[in-house]
Amino acid sequence: MAENKQIPPQYDLNAKWDAFLDLSLRRFVYSSLAGGFGGLLLFRSPVTRWASVAFGAGVGLGTAYTECSYKFDGSPPKSSCALSASSWEEKE
């Protein structure tokens, strides 16, 4: 008989990889489209338009990598806004 084994979410690598691929693909596509649209509005040369698409794609992949590395490590992202807000409250 087959046993029903549940894997805790923090150890389920298949779910984490699925989330990583989904997030990376979506951010790559959306950032590339945003870079292409910005390139059409701001630049006249095809070279600079393609550069803006490449920049957008790089930003999308970089943010996806950063967020997914936090998911794989299990630690929450460290925000400078949260640190500055807490230090501001201590000063008052």
Protein backbone atom coordinates (compact mmCIF):
# COMPACT_ATOMS: atom_id res chain seq x y z
CA MET A 1 0.00 0.00 0.00
CA ALA A 2 1.20 3.46 -0.81
CA GLU A 3 1.82 5.79 2.06
CA ASN A 4 0.71 9.40 1.80
CA LYS A 5 3.86 11.33 2.61
CA GLN A 6 3.54 15.09 2.84
CA ILE A 7 6.65 17.17 2.26
CA PRO A 8 6.88 20.34 4.36
CA PRO A 9 6.79 23.48 2.17
CA GLN A 10 10.27 24.62 3.21
CA TYR A 11 11.76 21.35 1.85
CA ASP A 12 9.69 20.99 -1.34
CA LEU A 13 12.26 21.81 -4.02
CA ASN A 14 9.93 21.01 -6.92
CA ALA A 15 7.48 23.69 -5.82
CA LYS A 16 10.30 26.17 -5.31
CA TRP A 17 11.73 25.50 -8.78
CA ASP A 18 8.27 25.85 -10.32
CA ALA A 19 7.82 29.19 -8.58
CA PHE A 20 11.31 30.26 -9.66
CA LEU A 21 10.69 29.44 -13.31
CA ASP A 22 7.26 31.06 -13.30
CA LEU A 23 8.48 34.25 -11.64
CA SER A 24 11.60 34.46 -13.84
CA LEU A 25 9.69 33.99 -17.06
CA ARG A 26 7.01 36.53 -16.17
CA ARG A 27 9.50 39.17 -15.01
CA PHE A 28 11.70 38.61 -18.06
CA VAL A 29 8.78 39.08 -20.46
CA TYR A 30 7.17 42.03 -18.67
CA SER A 31 10.46 43.87 -18.19
CA SER A 32 11.46 43.27 -21.81
CA LEU A 33 8.14 44.67 -22.97
CA ALA A 34 8.49 47.67 -20.69
CA GLY A 35 12.03 48.26 -21.98
CA GLY A 36 10.84 47.94 -25.58
CA PHE A 37 7.99 50.37 -25.01
CA GLY A 38 10.30 52.82 -23.27
CA GLY A 39 12.81 52.44 -26.10
CA LEU A 40 10.14 53.25 -28.67
CA LEU A 41 9.14 56.37 -26.77
CA LEU A 42 12.58 57.68 -25.88
CA PHE A 43 15.07 56.60 -28.57
CA ARG A 44 15.30 56.90 -32.33
CA SER A 45 18.16 54.55 -33.06
CA PRO A 46 17.41 50.82 -33.32
CA VAL A 47 20.59 50.03 -31.40
CA THR A 48 19.51 52.04 -28.36
CA ARG A 49 16.02 50.57 -28.57
CA TRP A 50 17.43 47.05 -28.41
CA ALA A 51 19.71 48.15 -25.58
CA SER A 52 16.68 49.30 -23.60
CA VAL A 53 15.01 45.92 -24.21
CA ALA A 54 18.16 44.14 -23.00
CA PHE A 55 18.36 46.41 -19.95
CA GLY A 56 14.73 45.68 -19.09
CA ALA A 57 15.30 41.95 -19.47
CA GLY A 58 18.34 42.14 -17.21
CA VAL A 59 16.45 44.05 -14.55
CA GLY A 60 13.62 41.51 -14.68
CA LEU A 61 15.94 38.53 -14.35
CA GLY A 62 17.92 40.20 -11.59
CA THR A 63 14.86 40.93 -9.48
CA ALA A 64 13.53 37.41 -10.05
CA TYR A 65 16.87 35.91 -9.02
CA THR A 66 17.00 38.03 -5.87
CA GLU A 67 13.49 37.15 -4.78
CA CYS A 68 13.91 33.45 -5.54
CA SER A 69 17.19 33.28 -3.66
CA TYR A 70 15.27 34.43 -0.59
CA LYS A 71 12.69 31.70 -1.18
CA PHE A 72 15.36 29.01 -1.51
CA ASP A 73 17.28 30.20 1.55
CA GLY A 74 14.16 30.68 3.64
CA SER A 75 15.19 34.08 4.96
CA PRO A 76 13.07 37.19 4.48
CA PRO A 77 14.45 40.00 2.32
CA LYS A 78 16.25 42.72 4.19
CA SER A 79 14.73 46.06 3.33
CA SER A 80 16.61 49.28 3.92
CA CYS A 81 13.27 51.06 4.35
CA ALA A 82 12.34 48.89 7.32
CA LEU A 83 15.73 49.47 8.92
CA SER A 84 15.62 53.22 8.42
CA ALA A 85 12.06 53.43 9.76
CA SER A 86 13.00 51.54 12.93
CA SER A 87 16.05 53.70 13.51
CA TRP A 88 13.95 56.82 12.94
CA GLU A 89 11.48 55.74 15.63
CA GLU A 90 14.32 55.14 18.08
CA LYS A 91 15.63 58.69 17.62
CA GLU A 92 12.33 60.32 18.56
